[in-house]
């Protein structure tokens, strides 16, 4: 009798733990990371990319065409520029890189 009572109690604890674990993970939205608090993503405009490509070309980091798109050649040129200017090397046109290049930010970018 004592064994049956112990077994019942263990099964009850096991199932209640499983239910609690399932409830704690199902509160987040599907496809999102729990606890993620990322803000809006900073994106350069086509005009800003064109200006950056011109500057990179002038400085000898970029030899491609000014197409206003962050292609692989532009990203590589940005990495070289960022390294030369002692910026964090990301290969993207982030706020600091745009400011270092003296490229004007949009009003939306200024608030980010």
PDB file of N, CA and C in Angstrom:
ATOM      1  N   UNK A   1       0.823  -1.197   0.000  1.00  0.00           N
ATOM      2  CA  UNK A   1       0.000   0.000   0.000  1.00  0.00           C
ATOM      3  C   UNK A   1       0.869   1.264   0.000  1.00  0.00           C
ATOM      4  N   UNK A   2       1.941   1.216   0.795  1.00  0.00           N
ATOM      5  CA  UNK A   2       2.828   2.357   0.892  1.00  0.00           C
ATOM      6  C   UNK A   2       3.513   2.617  -0.455  1.00  0.00           C
ATOM      7  N   UNK A   3       3.876   1.540  -1.198  1.00  0.00           N
ATOM      8  CA  UNK A   3       4.507   1.676  -2.500  1.00  0.00           C
ATOM      9  C   UNK A   3       3.573   2.315  -3.526  1.00  0.00           C
ATOM     10  N   UNK A   4       2.316   1.961  -3.486  1.00  0.00           N
ATOM     11  CA  UNK A   4       1.329   2.513  -4.417  1.00  0.00           C
ATOM     12  C   UNK A   4       1.140   4.009  -4.148  1.00  0.00           C
ATOM     13  N   UNK A   5       1.091   4.363  -2.899  1.00  0.00           N
ATOM     14  CA  UNK A   5       0.932   5.764  -2.523  1.00  0.00           C
ATOM     15  C   UNK A   5       2.156   6.579  -2.968  1.00  0.00           C
ATOM     16  N   UNK A   6       3.342   6.049  -2.767  1.00  0.00           N
ATOM     17  CA  UNK A   6       4.575   6.724  -3.180  1.00  0.00           C
ATOM     18  C   UNK A   6       4.625   6.871  -4.695  1.00  0.00           C
ATOM     19  N   UNK A   7       4.275   5.821  -5.421  1.00  0.00           N
ATOM     20  CA  UNK A   7       4.267   5.851  -6.878  1.00  0.00           C
ATOM     21  C   UNK A   7       3.268   6.881  -7.399  1.00  0.00           C
ATOM     22  N   UNK A   8       2.095   6.936  -6.809  1.00  0.00           N
ATOM     23  CA  UNK A   8       1.074   7.892  -7.206  1.00  0.00           C
ATOM     24  C   UNK A   8       1.562   9.321  -6.979  1.00  0.00           C
ATOM     25  N   UNK A   9       2.181   9.551  -5.840  1.00  0.00           N
ATOM     26  CA  UNK A   9       2.701  10.874  -5.521  1.00  0.00           C
ATOM     27  C   UNK A   9       3.810  11.283  -6.501  1.00  0.00           C
ATOM     28  N   UNK A  10       4.709  10.363  -6.848  1.00  0.00           N
ATOM     29  CA  UNK A  10       5.772  10.639  -7.802  1.00  0.00           C
ATOM     30  C   UNK A  10       5.206  10.960  -9.186  1.00  0.00           C
ATOM     31  N   UNK A  11       4.222  10.191  -9.639  1.00  0.00           N
ATOM     32  CA  UNK A  11       3.600  10.445 -10.943  1.00  0.00           C
ATOM     33  C   UNK A  11       2.908  11.798 -10.968  1.00  0.00           C
ATOM     34  N   UNK A  12       2.243  12.147  -9.875  1.00  0.00           N
ATOM     35  CA  UNK A  12       1.572  13.436  -9.787  1.00  0.00           C
ATOM     36  C   UNK A  12       2.583  14.584  -9.881  1.00  0.00           C
ATOM     37  N   UNK A  13       3.710  14.465  -9.185  1.00  0.00           N
ATOM     38  CA  UNK A  13       4.758  15.488  -9.258  1.00  0.00           C
ATOM     39  C   UNK A  13       5.347  15.570 -10.664  1.00  0.00           C
ATOM     40  N   UNK A  14       5.584  14.426 -11.275  1.00  0.00           N
ATOM     41  CA  UNK A  14       6.160  14.380 -12.618  1.00  0.00           C
ATOM     42  C   UNK A  14       5.271  15.085 -13.635  1.00  0.00           C
ATOM     43  N   UNK A  15       3.973  14.763 -13.620  1.00  0.00           N
ATOM     44  CA  UNK A  15       3.055  15.368 -14.582  1.00  0.00           C
ATOM     45  C   UNK A  15       2.830  16.853 -14.317  1.00  0.00           C
ATOM     46  N   UNK A  16       2.782  17.257 -13.071  1.00  0.00           N
ATOM     47  CA  UNK A  16       2.575  18.680 -12.782  1.00  0.00           C
ATOM     48  C   UNK A  16       3.803  19.491 -13.201  1.00  0.00           C
ATOM     49  N   UNK A  17       4.999  18.939 -13.071  1.00  0.00           N
ATOM     50  CA  UNK A  17       6.209  19.617 -13.526  1.00  0.00           C
ATOM     51  C   UNK A  17       6.193  19.771 -15.040  1.00  0.00           C
ATOM     52  N   UNK A  18       5.756  18.758 -15.742  1.00  0.00           N
ATOM     53  CA  UNK A  18       5.666  18.813 -17.207  1.00  0.00           C
ATOM     54  C   UNK A  18       4.683  19.872 -17.669  1.00  0.00           C
ATOM     55  N   UNK A  19       3.559  19.966 -17.001  1.00  0.00           N
ATOM     56  CA  UNK A  19       2.548  20.965 -17.355  1.00  0.00           C
ATOM     57  C   UNK A  19       3.079  22.376 -17.099  1.00  0.00           C
ATOM     58  N   UNK A  20       3.753  22.582 -15.976  1.00  0.00           N
ATOM     59  CA  UNK A  20       4.323  23.897 -15.673  1.00  0.00           C
ATOM     60  C   UNK A  20       5.389  24.291 -16.694  1.00  0.00           C
ATOM     61  N   UNK A  21       6.218  23.336 -17.084  1.00  0.00           N
ATOM     62  CA  UNK A  21       7.261  23.628 -18.074  1.00  0.00           C
ATOM     63  C   UNK A  21       6.643  23.981 -19.417  1.00  0.00           C
ATOM     64  N   UNK A  22       5.589  23.289 -19.801  1.00  0.00           N
ATOM     65  CA  UNK A  22       4.936  23.568 -21.078  1.00  0.00           C
ATOM     66  C   UNK A  22       4.279  24.943 -21.059  1.00  0.00           C
ATOM     67  N   UNK A  23       3.657  25.312 -19.968  1.00  0.00           N
ATOM     68  CA  UNK A  23       3.008  26.616 -19.868  1.00  0.00           C
ATOM     69  C   UNK A  23       4.010  27.757 -19.887  1.00  0.00           C
ATOM     70  N   UNK A  24       5.170  27.580 -19.292  1.00  0.00           N
ATOM     71  CA  UNK A  24       6.143  28.670 -19.244  1.00  0.00           C
ATOM     72  C   UNK A  24       6.773  28.935 -20.604  1.00  0.00           C
ATOM     73  N   UNK A  25       6.854  27.934 -21.483  1.00  0.00           N
ATOM     74  CA  UNK A  25       7.438  28.157 -22.806  1.00  0.00           C
ATOM     75  C   UNK A  25       6.405  28.529 -23.849  1.00  0.00           C
ATOM     76  N   UNK A  26       5.151  28.327 -23.592  1.00  0.00           N
ATOM     77  CA  UNK A  26       4.133  28.610 -24.604  1.00  0.00           C
ATOM     78  C   UNK A  26       3.598  30.034 -24.528  1.00  0.00           C
ATOM     79  N   UNK A  27       4.133  30.870 -23.628  1.00  0.00           N
ATOM     80  CA  UNK A  27       3.621  32.228 -23.502  1.00  0.00           C
ATOM     81  C   UNK A  27       4.202  33.180 -24.539  1.00  0.00           C
ATOM     82  N   UNK A  28       5.338  32.820 -25.168  1.00  0.00           N
ATOM     83  CA  UNK A  28       5.910  33.702 -26.180  1.00  0.00           C
ATOM     84  C   UNK A  28       5.276  33.431 -27.532  1.00  0.00           C
ATOM     85  N   UNK A  29       5.372  34.417 -28.427  1.00  0.00           N
ATOM     86  CA  UNK A  29       4.816  34.275 -29.764  1.00  0.00           C
ATOM     87  C   UNK A  29       5.625  33.263 -30.559  1.00  0.00           C
ATOM     88  N   UNK A  30       4.985  32.505 -31.438  1.00  0.00           N
ATOM     89  CA  UNK A  30       5.729  31.559 -32.254  1.00  0.00           C
ATOM     90  C   UNK A  30       6.734  32.281 -33.146  1.00  0.00           C
ATOM     91  N   UNK A  31       7.955  31.735 -33.209  1.00  0.00           N
ATOM     92  CA  UNK A  31       8.969  32.301 -34.075  1.00  0.00           C
ATOM     93  C   UNK A  31       9.738  33.468 -33.481  1.00  0.00           C
ATOM     94  N   UNK A  32       9.480  33.809 -32.200  1.00  0.00           N
ATOM     95  CA  UNK A  32      10.215  34.896 -31.572  1.00  0.00           C
ATOM     96  C   UNK A  32      11.030  34.336 -30.423  1.00  0.00           C
ATOM     97  N   UNK A  33      12.100  35.020 -30.100  1.00  0.00           N
ATOM     98  CA  UNK A  33      12.927  34.635 -28.976  1.00  0.00           C
ATOM     99  C   UNK A  33      12.323  35.206 -27.713  1.00  0.00           C
ATOM    100  N   UNK A  34      12.263  34.385 -26.692  1.00  0.00           N
ATOM    101  CA  UNK A  34      11.707  34.847 -25.439  1.00  0.00           C
ATOM    102  C   UNK A  34      12.673  35.822 -24.779  1.00  0.00           C
ATOM    103  N   UNK A  35      12.184  36.941 -24.307  1.00  0.00           N
ATOM    104  CA  UNK A  35      13.001  37.935 -23.647  1.00  0.00           C
ATOM    105  C   UNK A  35      13.727  38.860 -24.610  1.00  0.00           C
ATOM    106  N   UNK A  36      13.469  38.747 -25.889  1.00  0.00           N
ATOM    107  CA  UNK A  36      14.148  39.583 -26.881  1.00  0.00           C
ATOM    108  C   UNK A  36      13.540  40.980 -26.866  1.00  0.00           C
ATOM    109  N   UNK A  37      14.405  41.996 -26.719  1.00  0.00           N
ATOM    110  CA  UNK A  37      13.922  43.378 -26.677  1.00  0.00           C
ATOM    111  C   UNK A  37      14.661  44.212 -27.712  1.00  0.00           C
ATOM    112  N   UNK A  38      14.753  43.702 -28.933  1.00  0.00           N
ATOM    113  CA  UNK A  38      15.425  44.454 -29.989  1.00  0.00           C
ATOM    114  C   UNK A  38      14.539  45.595 -30.443  1.00  0.00           C
ATOM    115  N   UNK A  39      15.166  46.711 -30.649  1.00  0.00           N
ATOM    116  CA  UNK A  39      14.453  47.869 -31.150  1.00  0.00           C
ATOM    117  C   UNK A  39      14.378  47.827 -32.662  1.00  0.00           C
ATOM    118  N   UNK A  40      14.004  48.923 -33.266  1.00  0.00           N
ATOM    119  CA  UNK A  40      13.941  48.984 -34.728  1.00  0.00           C
ATOM    120  C   UNK A  40      15.336  48.812 -35.329  1.00  0.00           C
ATOM    121  N   UNK A  41      15.394  48.257 -36.522  1.00  0.00           N
ATOM    122  CA  UNK A  41      16.653  48.002 -37.199  1.00  0.00           C
ATOM    123  C   UNK A  41      17.077  49.248 -37.969  1.00  0.00           C
ATOM    124  N   UNK A  42      18.322  49.647 -37.782  1.00  0.00           N
ATOM    125  CA  UNK A  42      18.877  50.805 -38.478  1.00  0.00           C
ATOM    126  C   UNK A  42      19.195  50.397 -39.910  1.00  0.00           C
ATOM    127  N   UNK A  43      18.620  51.098 -40.885  1.00  0.00           N
ATOM    128  CA  UNK A  43      18.860  50.810 -42.293  1.00  0.00           C
ATOM    129  C   UNK A  43      19.263  52.086 -43.026  1.00  0.00           C
ATOM    130  N   UNK A  44      20.289  51.953 -43.865  1.00  0.00           N
ATOM    131  CA  UNK A  44      20.726  53.081 -44.684  1.00  0.00           C
ATOM    132  C   UNK A  44      19.818  53.192 -45.906  1.00  0.00           C
ATOM    133  N   UNK A  45      19.598  54.421 -46.357  1.00  0.00           N
ATOM    134  CA  UNK A  45      18.781  54.643 -47.554  1.00  0.00           C
ATOM    135  C   UNK A  45      19.633  54.407 -48.802  1.00  0.00           C
ATOM    136  N   UNK A  46      18.965  54.307 -49.941  1.00  0.00           N
ATOM    137  CA  UNK A  46      19.669  54.123 -51.208  1.00  0.00           C
ATOM    138  C   UNK A  46      20.611  55.296 -51.467  1.00  0.00           C
ATOM    139  N   UNK A  47      20.146  56.501 -51.180  1.00  0.00           N
ATOM    140  CA  UNK A  47      20.975  57.692 -51.375  1.00  0.00           C
ATOM    141  C   UNK A  47      22.213  57.652 -50.471  1.00  0.00           C
ATOM    142  N   UNK A  48      22.038  57.241 -49.229  1.00  0.00           N
ATOM    143  CA  UNK A  48      23.172  57.142 -48.310  1.00  0.00           C
ATOM    144  C   UNK A  48      24.180  56.095 -48.798  1.00  0.00           C
ATOM    145  N   UNK A  49      23.683  54.984 -49.329  1.00  0.00           N
ATOM    146  CA  UNK A  49      24.565  53.943 -49.851  1.00  0.00           C
ATOM    147  C   UNK A  49      25.339  54.477 -51.050  1.00  0.00           C
ATOM    148  N   UNK A  50      24.647  55.212 -51.934  1.00  0.00           N
ATOM    149  CA  UNK A  50      25.312  55.838 -53.084  1.00  0.00           C
ATOM    150  C   UNK A  50      26.432  56.774 -52.628  1.00  0.00           C
ATOM    151  N   UNK A  51      26.133  57.611 -51.646  1.00  0.00           N
ATOM    152  CA  UNK A  51      27.133  58.541 -51.129  1.00  0.00           C
ATOM    153  C   UNK A  51      28.314  57.785 -50.526  1.00  0.00           C
ATOM    154  N   UNK A  52      28.017  56.732 -49.775  1.00  0.00           N
ATOM    155  CA  UNK A  52      29.076  55.931 -49.151  1.00  0.00           C
ATOM    156  C   UNK A  52      29.938  55.257 -50.215  1.00  0.00           C
ATOM    157  N   UNK A  53      29.299  54.733 -51.260  1.00  0.00           N
ATOM    158  CA  UNK A  53      30.065  54.098 -52.335  1.00  0.00           C
ATOM    159  C   UNK A  53      30.992  55.108 -53.010  1.00  0.00           C
ATOM    160  N   UNK A  54      30.536  56.343 -53.175  1.00  0.00           N
ATOM    161  CA  UNK A  54      31.378  57.391 -53.770  1.00  0.00           C
ATOM    162  C   UNK A  54      32.583  57.688 -52.876  1.00  0.00           C
ATOM    163  N   UNK A  55      32.348  57.780 -51.576  1.00  0.00           N
ATOM    164  CA  UNK A  55      33.433  58.050 -50.630  1.00  0.00           C
ATOM    165  C   UNK A  55      34.415  56.881 -50.606  1.00  0.00           C
ATOM    166  N   UNK A  56      33.879  55.664 -50.581  1.00  0.00           N
ATOM    167  CA  UNK A  56      34.735  54.480 -50.554  1.00  0.00           C
ATOM    168  C   UNK A  56      35.577  54.389 -51.831  1.00  0.00           C
ATOM    169  N   UNK A  57      34.964  54.753 -52.953  1.00  0.00           N
ATOM    170  CA  UNK A  57      35.672  54.742 -54.242  1.00  0.00           C
ATOM    171  C   UNK A  57      36.784  55.794 -54.231  1.00  0.00           C
ATOM    172  N   UNK A  58      36.457  56.980 -53.749  1.00  0.00           N
ATOM    173  CA  UNK A  58      37.423  58.077 -53.673  1.00  0.00           C
ATOM    174  C   UNK A  58      38.616  57.714 -52.783  1.00  0.00           C
ATOM    175  N   UNK A  59      38.349  56.968 -51.710  1.00  0.00           N
ATOM    176  CA  UNK A  59      39.412  56.578 -50.771  1.00  0.00           C
ATOM    177  C   UNK A  59      40.149  55.312 -51.208  1.00  0.00           C
ATOM    178  N   UNK A  60      39.688  54.676 -52.305  1.00  0.00           N
ATOM    179  CA  UNK A  60      40.373  53.502 -52.829  1.00  0.00           C
ATOM    180  C   UNK A  60      39.951  52.179 -52.211  1.00  0.00           C
ATOM    181  N   UNK A  61      38.842  52.170 -51.467  1.00  0.00           N
ATOM    182  CA  UNK A  61      38.360  50.938 -50.855  1.00  0.00           C
ATOM    183  C   UNK A  61      37.384  50.182 -51.753  1.00  0.00           C
ATOM    184  N   UNK A  62      36.814  50.871 -52.744  1.00  0.00           N
ATOM    185  CA  UNK A  62      35.736  50.304 -53.570  1.00  0.00           C
ATOM    186  C   UNK A  62      36.005  50.646 -55.027  1.00  0.00           C
ATOM    187  N   UNK A  63      35.842  49.648 -55.898  1.00  0.00           N
ATOM    188  CA  UNK A  63      36.073  49.893 -57.327  1.00  0.00           C
ATOM    189  C   UNK A  63      34.835  49.606 -58.174  1.00  0.00           C
ATOM    190  N   UNK A  64      33.732  49.279 -57.525  1.00  0.00           N
ATOM    191  CA  UNK A  64      32.509  48.961 -58.254  1.00  0.00           C
ATOM    192  C   UNK A  64      31.714  50.193 -58.644  1.00  0.00           C
ATOM    193  N   UNK A  65      30.521  49.943 -59.147  1.00  0.00           N
ATOM    194  CA  UNK A  65      29.614  51.020 -59.557  1.00  0.00           C
ATOM    195  C   UNK A  65      28.785  51.495 -58.366  1.00  0.00           C
ATOM    196  N   UNK A  66      28.374  52.752 -58.427  1.00  0.00           N
ATOM    197  CA  UNK A  66      27.487  53.306 -57.408  1.00  0.00           C
ATOM    198  C   UNK A  66      26.057  52.918 -57.753  1.00  0.00           C
ATOM    199  N   UNK A  67      25.606  51.811 -57.173  1.00  0.00           N
ATOM    200  CA  UNK A  67      24.274  51.285 -57.479  1.00  0.00           C
ATOM    201  C   UNK A  67      23.274  51.485 -56.345  1.00  0.00           C
ATOM    202  N   UNK A  68      23.742  51.942 -55.204  1.00  0.00           N
ATOM    203  CA  UNK A  68      22.837  52.178 -54.082  1.00  0.00           C
ATOM    204  C   UNK A  68      22.391  50.919 -53.372  1.00  0.00           C
ATOM    205  N   UNK A  69      23.125  49.830 -53.555  1.00  0.00           N
ATOM    206  CA  UNK A  69      22.797  48.574 -52.875  1.00  0.00           C
ATOM    207  C   UNK A  69      24.018  48.079 -52.123  1.00  0.00           C
ATOM    208  N   UNK A  70      23.786  47.499 -50.958  1.00  0.00           N
ATOM    209  CA  UNK A  70      24.880  46.950 -50.161  1.00  0.00           C
ATOM    210  C   UNK A  70      25.226  45.554 -50.667  1.00  0.00           C
ATOM    211  N   UNK A  71      25.947  45.495 -51.765  1.00  0.00           N
ATOM    212  CA  UNK A  71      26.368  44.202 -52.300  1.00  0.00           C
ATOM    213  C   UNK A  71      27.631  43.741 -51.573  1.00  0.00           C
ATOM    214  N   UNK A  72      28.129  42.570 -51.942  1.00  0.00           N
ATOM    215  CA  UNK A  72      29.294  42.002 -51.262  1.00  0.00           C
ATOM    216  C   UNK A  72      30.522  42.902 -51.373  1.00  0.00           C
ATOM    217  N   UNK A  73      30.741  43.490 -52.556  1.00  0.00           N
ATOM    218  CA  UNK A  73      31.903  44.370 -52.761  1.00  0.00           C
ATOM    219  C   UNK A  73      31.814  45.609 -51.868  1.00  0.00           C
ATOM    220  N   UNK A  74      30.609  46.154 -51.723  1.00  0.00           N
ATOM    221  CA  UNK A  74      30.417  47.328 -50.867  1.00  0.00           C
ATOM    222  C   UNK A  74      30.647  46.960 -49.409  1.00  0.00           C
ATOM    223  N   UNK A  75      30.135  45.819 -48.990  1.00  0.00           N
ATOM    224  CA  UNK A  75      30.330  45.378 -47.602  1.00  0.00           C
ATOM    225  C   UNK A  75      31.812  45.163 -47.285  1.00  0.00           C
ATOM    226  N   UNK A  76      32.537  44.586 -48.233  1.00  0.00           N
ATOM    227  CA  UNK A  76      33.973  44.383 -48.032  1.00  0.00           C
ATOM    228  C   UNK A  76      34.700  45.727 -47.950  1.00  0.00           C
ATOM    229  N   UNK A  77      34.318  46.657 -48.811  1.00  0.00           N
ATOM    230  CA  UNK A  77      34.911  47.998 -48.774  1.00  0.00           C
ATOM    231  C   UNK A  77      34.600  48.692 -47.448  1.00  0.00           C
ATOM    232  N   UNK A  78      33.383  48.519 -46.953  1.00  0.00           N
ATOM    233  CA  UNK A  78      33.005  49.103 -45.662  1.00  0.00           C
ATOM    234  C   UNK A  78      33.844  48.515 -44.532  1.00  0.00           C
ATOM    235  N   UNK A  79      34.084  47.213 -44.576  1.00  0.00           N
ATOM    236  CA  UNK A  79      34.915  46.594 -43.547  1.00  0.00           C
ATOM    237  C   UNK A  79      36.328  47.199 -43.552  1.00  0.00           C
ATOM    238  N   UNK A  80      36.889  47.373 -44.731  1.00  0.00           N
ATOM    239  CA  UNK A  80      38.226  47.972 -44.848  1.00  0.00           C
ATOM    240  C   UNK A  80      38.220  49.416 -44.336  1.00  0.00           C
ATOM    241  N   UNK A  81      37.188  50.171 -44.708  1.00  0.00           N
ATOM    242  CA  UNK A  81      37.067  51.562 -44.257  1.00  0.00           C
ATOM    243  C   UNK A  81      36.934  51.611 -42.732  1.00  0.00           C
ATOM    244  N   UNK A  82      36.060  50.782 -42.189  1.00  0.00           N
ATOM    245  CA  UNK A  82      35.844  50.776 -40.745  1.00  0.00           C
ATOM    246  C   UNK A  82      37.123  50.411 -39.995  1.00  0.00           C
ATOM    247  N   UNK A  83      37.850  49.461 -40.525  1.00  0.00           N
ATOM    248  CA  UNK A  83      39.113  49.080 -39.889  1.00  0.00           C
ATOM    249  C   UNK A  83      40.111  50.236 -39.945  1.00  0.00           C
ATOM    250  N   UNK A  84      40.203  50.893 -41.098  1.00  0.00           N
ATOM    251  CA  UNK A  84      41.127  52.018 -41.257  1.00  0.00           C
ATOM    252  C   UNK A  84      40.766  53.184 -40.345  1.00  0.00           C
ATOM    253  N   UNK A  85      39.480  53.371 -40.103  1.00  0.00           N
ATOM    254  CA  UNK A  85      39.003  54.481 -39.267  1.00  0.00           C
ATOM    255  C   UNK A  85      38.830  54.079 -37.804  1.00  0.00           C
ATOM    256  N   UNK A  86      39.249  52.868 -37.467  1.00  0.00           N
ATOM    257  CA  UNK A  86      39.164  52.345 -36.093  1.00  0.00           C
ATOM    258  C   UNK A  86      37.728  52.316 -35.555  1.00  0.00           C
ATOM    259  N   UNK A  87      36.804  51.962 -36.445  1.00  0.00           N
ATOM    260  CA  UNK A  87      35.405  51.762 -36.055  1.00  0.00           C
ATOM    261  C   UNK A  87      35.166  50.270 -35.855  1.00  0.00           C
ATOM    262  N   UNK A  88      34.058  49.942 -35.237  1.00  0.00           N
ATOM    263  CA  UNK A  88      33.688  48.530 -35.122  1.00  0.00           C
ATOM    264  C   UNK A  88      33.457  47.989 -36.534  1.00  0.00           C
ATOM    265  N   UNK A  89      34.153  46.910 -36.877  1.00  0.00           N
ATOM    266  CA  UNK A  89      34.091  46.364 -38.229  1.00  0.00           C
ATOM    267  C   UNK A  89      32.838  45.482 -38.354  1.00  0.00           C
ATOM    268  N   UNK A  90      31.856  45.999 -39.118  1.00  0.00           N
ATOM    269  CA  UNK A  90      30.587  45.287 -39.303  1.00  0.00           C
ATOM    270  C   UNK A  90      30.269  45.027 -40.767  1.00  0.00           C
ATOM    271  N   UNK A  91      30.827  45.823 -41.657  1.00  0.00           N
ATOM    272  CA  UNK A  91      30.487  45.689 -43.072  1.00  0.00           C
ATOM    273  C   UNK A  91      29.113  46.232 -43.397  1.00  0.00           C
ATOM    274  N   UNK A  92      28.563  47.038 -42.485  1.00  0.00           N
ATOM    275  CA  UNK A  92      27.250  47.642 -42.715  1.00  0.00           C
ATOM    276  C   UNK A  92      27.355  49.161 -42.562  1.00  0.00           C
ATOM    277  N   UNK A  93      26.380  49.843 -43.086  1.00  0.00           N
ATOM    278  CA  UNK A  93      26.321  51.296 -42.930  1.00  0.00           C
ATOM    279  C   UNK A  93      25.509  51.617 -41.681  1.00  0.00           C
ATOM    280  N   UNK A  94      26.149  51.508 -40.549  1.00  0.00           N
ATOM    281  CA  UNK A  94      25.484  51.840 -39.300  1.00  0.00           C
ATOM    282  C   UNK A  94      25.623  53.332 -39.020  1.00  0.00           C
ATOM    283  N   UNK A  95      25.042  53.774 -37.956  1.00  0.00           N
ATOM    284  CA  UNK A  95      25.032  55.203 -37.618  1.00  0.00           C
ATOM    285  C   UNK A  95      26.444  55.782 -37.496  1.00  0.00           C
ATOM    286  N   UNK A  96      27.322  55.100 -36.774  1.00  0.00           N
ATOM    287  CA  UNK A  96      28.674  55.614 -36.571  1.00  0.00           C
ATOM    288  C   UNK A  96      29.444  55.739 -37.879  1.00  0.00           C
ATOM    289  N   UNK A  97      29.273  54.760 -38.764  1.00  0.00           N
ATOM    290  CA  UNK A  97      29.977  54.809 -40.042  1.00  0.00           C
ATOM    291  C   UNK A  97      29.460  55.961 -40.885  1.00  0.00           C
ATOM    292  N   UNK A  98      28.145  56.139 -40.937  1.00  0.00           N
ATOM    293  CA  UNK A  98      27.574  57.260 -41.693  1.00  0.00           C
ATOM    294  C   UNK A  98      28.069  58.591 -41.137  1.00  0.00           C
ATOM    295  N   UNK A  99      28.087  58.724 -39.816  1.00  0.00           N
ATOM    296  CA  UNK A  99      28.533  59.964 -39.195  1.00  0.00           C
ATOM    297  C   UNK A  99      30.011  60.216 -39.492  1.00  0.00           C
ATOM    298  N   UNK A 100      30.830  59.160 -39.454  1.00  0.00           N
ATOM    299  CA  UNK A 100      32.259  59.302 -39.749  1.00  0.00           C
ATOM    300  C   UNK A 100      32.476  59.746 -41.193  1.00  0.00           C
ATOM    301  N   UNK A 101      31.593  59.308 -42.100  1.00  0.00           N
ATOM    302  CA  UNK A 101      31.683  59.679 -43.514  1.00  0.00           C
ATOM    303  C   UNK A 101      31.036  61.037 -43.794  1.00  0.00           C
ATOM    304  N   UNK A 102      30.486  61.664 -42.753  1.00  0.00           N
ATOM    305  CA  UNK A 102      29.768  62.941 -42.883  1.00  0.00           C
ATOM    306  C   UNK A 102      28.570  62.841 -43.824  1.00  0.00           C
ATOM    307  N   UNK A 103      27.873  61.728 -43.750  1.00  0.00           N
ATOM    308  CA  UNK A 103      26.645  61.521 -44.524  1.00  0.00           C
ATOM    309  C   UNK A 103      25.473  61.805 -43.597  1.00  0.00           C
ATOM    310  N   UNK A 104      24.583  62.697 -44.026  1.00  0.00           N
ATOM    311  CA  UNK A 104      23.456  63.118 -43.208  1.00  0.00           C
ATOM    312  C   UNK A 104      22.518  61.953 -42.884  1.00  0.00           C
ATOM    313  N   UNK A 105      22.047  61.928 -41.648  1.00  0.00           N
ATOM    314  CA  UNK A 105      21.070  60.927 -41.220  1.00  0.00           C
ATOM    315  C   UNK A 105      19.669  61.429 -41.512  1.00  0.00           C
ATOM    316  N   UNK A 106      18.738  60.503 -41.745  1.00  0.00           N
ATOM    317  CA  UNK A 106      17.328  60.885 -41.890  1.00  0.00           C
ATOM    318  C   UNK A 106      16.770  61.209 -40.514  1.00  0.00           C
ATOM    319  N   UNK A 107      15.636  61.854 -40.466  1.00  0.00           N
ATOM    320  CA  UNK A 107      15.000  62.168 -39.181  1.00  0.00           C
ATOM    321  C   UNK A 107      14.715  60.894 -38.392  1.00  0.00           C
ATOM    322  N   UNK A 108      14.262  59.863 -39.074  1.00  0.00           N
ATOM    323  CA  UNK A 108      13.963  58.590 -38.400  1.00  0.00           C
ATOM    324  C   UNK A 108      15.232  57.982 -37.818  1.00  0.00           C
ATOM    325  N   UNK A 109      16.322  58.035 -38.572  1.00  0.00           N
ATOM    326  CA  UNK A 109      17.593  57.488 -38.095  1.00  0.00           C
ATOM    327  C   UNK A 109      18.109  58.247 -36.877  1.00  0.00           C
ATOM    328  N   UNK A 110      17.852  59.549 -36.829  1.00  0.00           N
ATOM    329  CA  UNK A 110      18.309  60.358 -35.696  1.00  0.00           C
ATOM    330  C   UNK A 110      17.642  59.947 -34.400  1.00  0.00           C
ATOM    331  N   UNK A 111      16.448  59.400 -34.476  1.00  0.00           N
ATOM    332  CA  UNK A 111      15.723  59.015 -33.268  1.00  0.00           C
ATOM    333  C   UNK A 111      16.055  57.607 -32.805  1.00  0.00           C
ATOM    334  N   UNK A 112      16.808  56.877 -33.578  1.00  0.00           N
ATOM    335  CA  UNK A 112      17.141  55.492 -33.234  1.00  0.00           C
ATOM    336  C   UNK A 112      18.353  55.431 -32.323  1.00  0.00           C
TER     337      UNK A 112
END
